[in-house]
Amino acid sequence: MRESYDETLDALRRRFEQLRAAVAQFEPDLDERALQAAWDSDDPSERNRADGVLANFEKTYMLSMDLVALSVKIAGRLGAVEGSGLSPLEVLRTRDVLSQKAEMALERQHEVRNTSQHIYVELSIAEMRGAVLEQLEMAPRTIRDVVAWMESLEEGEPSADRHPSG
């Protein structure tokens, strides 16, 4: 399971780099008008630029949630957490590994990702843009906090107080 965790962490790093590169095509700050124009364009290469932002956002979200789930499973095997009926995200929040802001950001990303997957035509550029910008801000901190928690568990400090950085 640790190998899956490490592979997920590496895939997440690589996907986040791709997200940054996709967003950089719409500078400054993921310009909403430029993104909307690409999204609505009749030119497939323009639509692919916009789709690159969405695809990398979705994959970054999914890999982030995989990292969260794997970290809680590993912690369970190490005896640091017990089955509580909580979701992995709730486990990390109640243990102060993740801040409330990080939890809320991941929940919003979940909503946007689900809309893009299930009701694509209802996904607004403004919603997507907001979720992407929030992901760009919060993902590095979230990853860092999960990794620090895992390192503390491996050092034999499962009850160490954690103070999330965001």
Protein backbone atom coordinates (compact mmCIF):
# COMPACT_ATOMS: atom_id res chain seq x y z
CA MET A 1 0.00 0.00 0.00
CA ARG A 2 2.92 2.31 0.68
CA GLU A 3 4.02 1.84 -2.93
CA SER A 4 0.58 2.98 -4.12
CA TYR A 5 0.82 6.00 -1.82
CA ASP A 6 4.25 6.93 -3.24
CA GLU A 7 3.05 6.44 -6.81
CA THR A 8 -0.01 8.56 -6.12
CA LEU A 9 2.13 11.30 -4.62
CA ASP A 10 4.37 11.31 -7.70
CA ALA A 11 1.38 11.26 -10.09
CA LEU A 12 -0.17 14.12 -8.13
CA ARG A 13 3.01 16.19 -8.39
CA ARG A 14 3.19 15.59 -12.14
CA ARG A 15 -0.53 16.31 -12.70
CA PHE A 16 -0.32 19.52 -10.66
CA GLU A 17 2.53 20.66 -12.93
CA GLN A 18 0.27 19.95 -15.92
CA LEU A 19 -2.54 21.94 -14.32
CA ARG A 20 -0.23 24.92 -13.86
CA ALA A 21 0.88 24.67 -17.50
CA ALA A 22 -2.74 24.48 -18.71
CA VAL A 23 -3.72 27.48 -16.60
CA ALA A 24 -0.70 29.47 -17.79
CA GLN A 25 -2.26 29.53 -21.26
CA PHE A 26 -4.94 31.82 -19.84
CA GLU A 27 -2.84 34.36 -17.97
CA PRO A 28 -3.26 36.46 -16.03
CA ASP A 29 -4.92 34.44 -13.29
CA LEU A 30 -6.90 32.10 -15.53
CA ASP A 31 -8.57 34.97 -17.38
CA GLU A 32 -12.27 34.14 -17.40
CA ARG A 33 -13.05 35.81 -20.73
CA ALA A 34 -10.19 34.06 -22.53
CA LEU A 35 -11.16 30.73 -20.97
CA GLN A 36 -14.80 31.22 -21.95
CA ALA A 37 -13.80 32.13 -25.51
CA ALA A 38 -11.69 28.97 -25.82
CA TRP A 39 -14.46 26.87 -24.25
CA ASP A 40 -17.04 28.18 -26.74
CA SER A 41 -14.74 28.24 -29.77
CA ASP A 42 -15.49 26.42 -33.00
CA ASP A 43 -11.75 25.67 -33.28
CA PRO A 44 -10.95 22.25 -31.77
CA SER A 45 -7.45 23.34 -30.74
CA GLU A 46 -8.92 26.24 -28.76
CA ARG A 47 -11.46 23.94 -27.07
CA ASN A 48 -8.60 21.56 -26.25
CA ARG A 49 -6.83 24.37 -24.38
CA ALA A 50 -9.91 24.89 -22.20
CA ASP A 51 -10.44 21.14 -21.83
CA GLY A 52 -6.82 20.85 -20.66
CA VAL A 53 -7.64 23.02 -17.68
CA LEU A 54 -10.72 20.97 -16.81
CA ALA A 55 -9.04 17.58 -17.32
CA ASN A 56 -6.03 18.48 -15.19
CA PHE A 57 -8.25 19.99 -12.51
CA GLU A 58 -10.32 16.80 -12.35
CA LYS A 59 -7.30 14.50 -12.27
CA THR A 60 -5.58 16.63 -9.62
CA TYR A 61 -8.73 16.42 -7.50
CA MET A 62 -9.04 12.65 -7.93
CA LEU A 63 -5.37 12.07 -7.12
CA SER A 64 -5.68 14.33 -4.05
CA MET A 65 -8.59 12.24 -2.81
CA ASP A 66 -6.65 9.05 -3.55
CA LEU A 67 -3.76 10.40 -1.46
CA VAL A 68 -6.14 11.21 1.39
CA ALA A 69 -7.75 7.76 1.27
CA LEU A 70 -4.41 5.92 1.07
CA SER A 71 -2.96 7.92 3.95
CA VAL A 72 -5.91 6.98 6.18
CA LYS A 73 -5.66 3.31 5.15
CA ILE A 74 -1.95 3.25 5.95
CA ALA A 75 -2.59 5.01 9.25
CA GLY A 76 -5.18 2.35 10.05
CA ARG A 77 -2.66 -0.40 9.37
CA LEU A 78 -0.17 1.36 11.62
CA GLY A 79 -2.79 1.52 14.38
CA ALA A 80 -2.91 5.32 14.32
CA VAL A 81 -6.61 5.52 13.42
CA GLU A 82 -9.50 3.17 14.05
CA GLY A 83 -12.56 2.57 11.93
CA SER A 84 -14.95 5.36 12.83
CA GLY A 85 -17.45 5.45 10.00
CA LEU A 86 -16.01 8.80 8.92
CA SER A 87 -14.85 9.48 5.39
CA PRO A 88 -11.06 9.70 4.94
CA LEU A 89 -11.41 13.46 4.51
CA GLU A 90 -13.34 13.72 7.79
CA VAL A 91 -10.71 11.58 9.53
CA LEU A 92 -7.96 13.98 8.49
CA ARG A 93 -10.05 16.99 9.46
CA THR A 94 -10.95 15.64 12.91
CA ARG A 95 -7.28 14.81 13.53
CA ASP A 96 -6.29 18.38 12.54
CA VAL A 97 -4.22 17.12 9.61
CA LEU A 98 -6.29 19.27 7.26
CA SER A 99 -7.78 22.65 8.01
CA GLN A 100 -11.45 23.38 7.64
CA LYS A 101 -10.53 25.60 4.69
CA ALA A 102 -8.78 22.67 2.96
CA GLU A 103 -11.73 20.37 3.62
CA MET A 104 -14.19 22.92 2.23
CA ALA A 105 -11.99 23.49 -0.84
CA LEU A 106 -11.93 19.76 -1.57
CA GLU A 107 -15.69 19.57 -1.12
CA ARG A 108 -16.20 22.42 -3.62
CA GLN A 109 -13.81 20.75 -6.05
CA HIS A 110 -15.86 17.57 -5.66
CA GLU A 111 -19.04 19.44 -6.59
CA VAL A 112 -17.48 21.00 -9.69
CA ARG A 113 -15.92 17.71 -10.72
CA ASN A 114 -19.27 15.91 -10.36
CA THR A 115 -21.04 18.57 -12.39
CA SER A 116 -18.44 18.28 -15.14
CA GLN A 117 -18.83 14.50 -15.18
CA HIS A 118 -22.59 14.17 -14.86
CA ILE A 119 -24.18 17.41 -16.07
CA TYR A 120 -21.43 18.79 -18.31
CA VAL A 121 -23.60 21.35 -20.08
CA GLU A 122 -24.46 22.94 -16.72
CA LEU A 123 -20.83 23.54 -15.76
CA SER A 124 -20.15 27.25 -15.81
CA ILE A 125 -16.76 28.69 -16.59
CA ALA A 126 -17.01 30.87 -13.49
CA GLU A 127 -17.55 27.81 -11.26
CA MET A 128 -14.74 25.90 -12.91
CA ARG A 129 -12.39 28.86 -12.77
CA GLY A 130 -13.09 29.41 -9.07
CA ALA A 131 -12.49 25.75 -8.25
CA VAL A 132 -9.27 25.64 -10.30
CA LEU A 133 -7.89 28.77 -8.65
CA GLU A 134 -8.77 27.40 -5.24
CA GLN A 135 -7.09 24.11 -6.13
CA LEU A 136 -3.95 25.93 -7.24
CA GLU A 137 -3.89 27.73 -3.91
CA MET A 138 -4.82 24.85 -1.60
CA ALA A 139 -3.42 21.66 -3.16
CA PRO A 140 0.26 22.24 -2.28
CA ARG A 141 -0.65 22.95 1.34
CA THR A 142 -2.99 19.95 1.51
CA ILE A 143 -0.36 17.63 0.05
CA ARG A 144 2.30 19.00 2.39
CA ASP A 145 0.06 18.48 5.44
CA VAL A 146 -0.84 14.89 4.48
CA VAL A 147 2.81 14.03 3.79
CA ALA A 148 3.92 15.56 7.10
CA TRP A 149 1.27 13.54 8.94
CA MET A 150 2.38 10.34 7.22
CA GLU A 151 6.00 11.07 8.10
CA SER A 152 5.06 11.62 11.74
CA LEU A 153 3.26 8.25 11.76
CA GLU A 154 6.24 6.50 10.29
CA GLU A 155 8.41 8.05 12.97
CA GLY A 156 6.14 6.48 15.56
CA GLU A 157 4.30 9.61 16.58
CA PRO A 158 0.66 8.84 15.67
CA SER A 159 -0.70 11.04 18.42
CA ALA A 160 1.55 14.00 17.66
CA ASP A 161 -0.39 17.23 17.55
CA ARG A 162 -0.65 18.54 14.04
CA HIS A 163 -1.29 22.11 13.13
CA PRO A 164 -2.34 22.47 9.50
CA SER A 165 -0.68 25.26 7.64
CA GLY A 166 -3.87 26.56 6.10
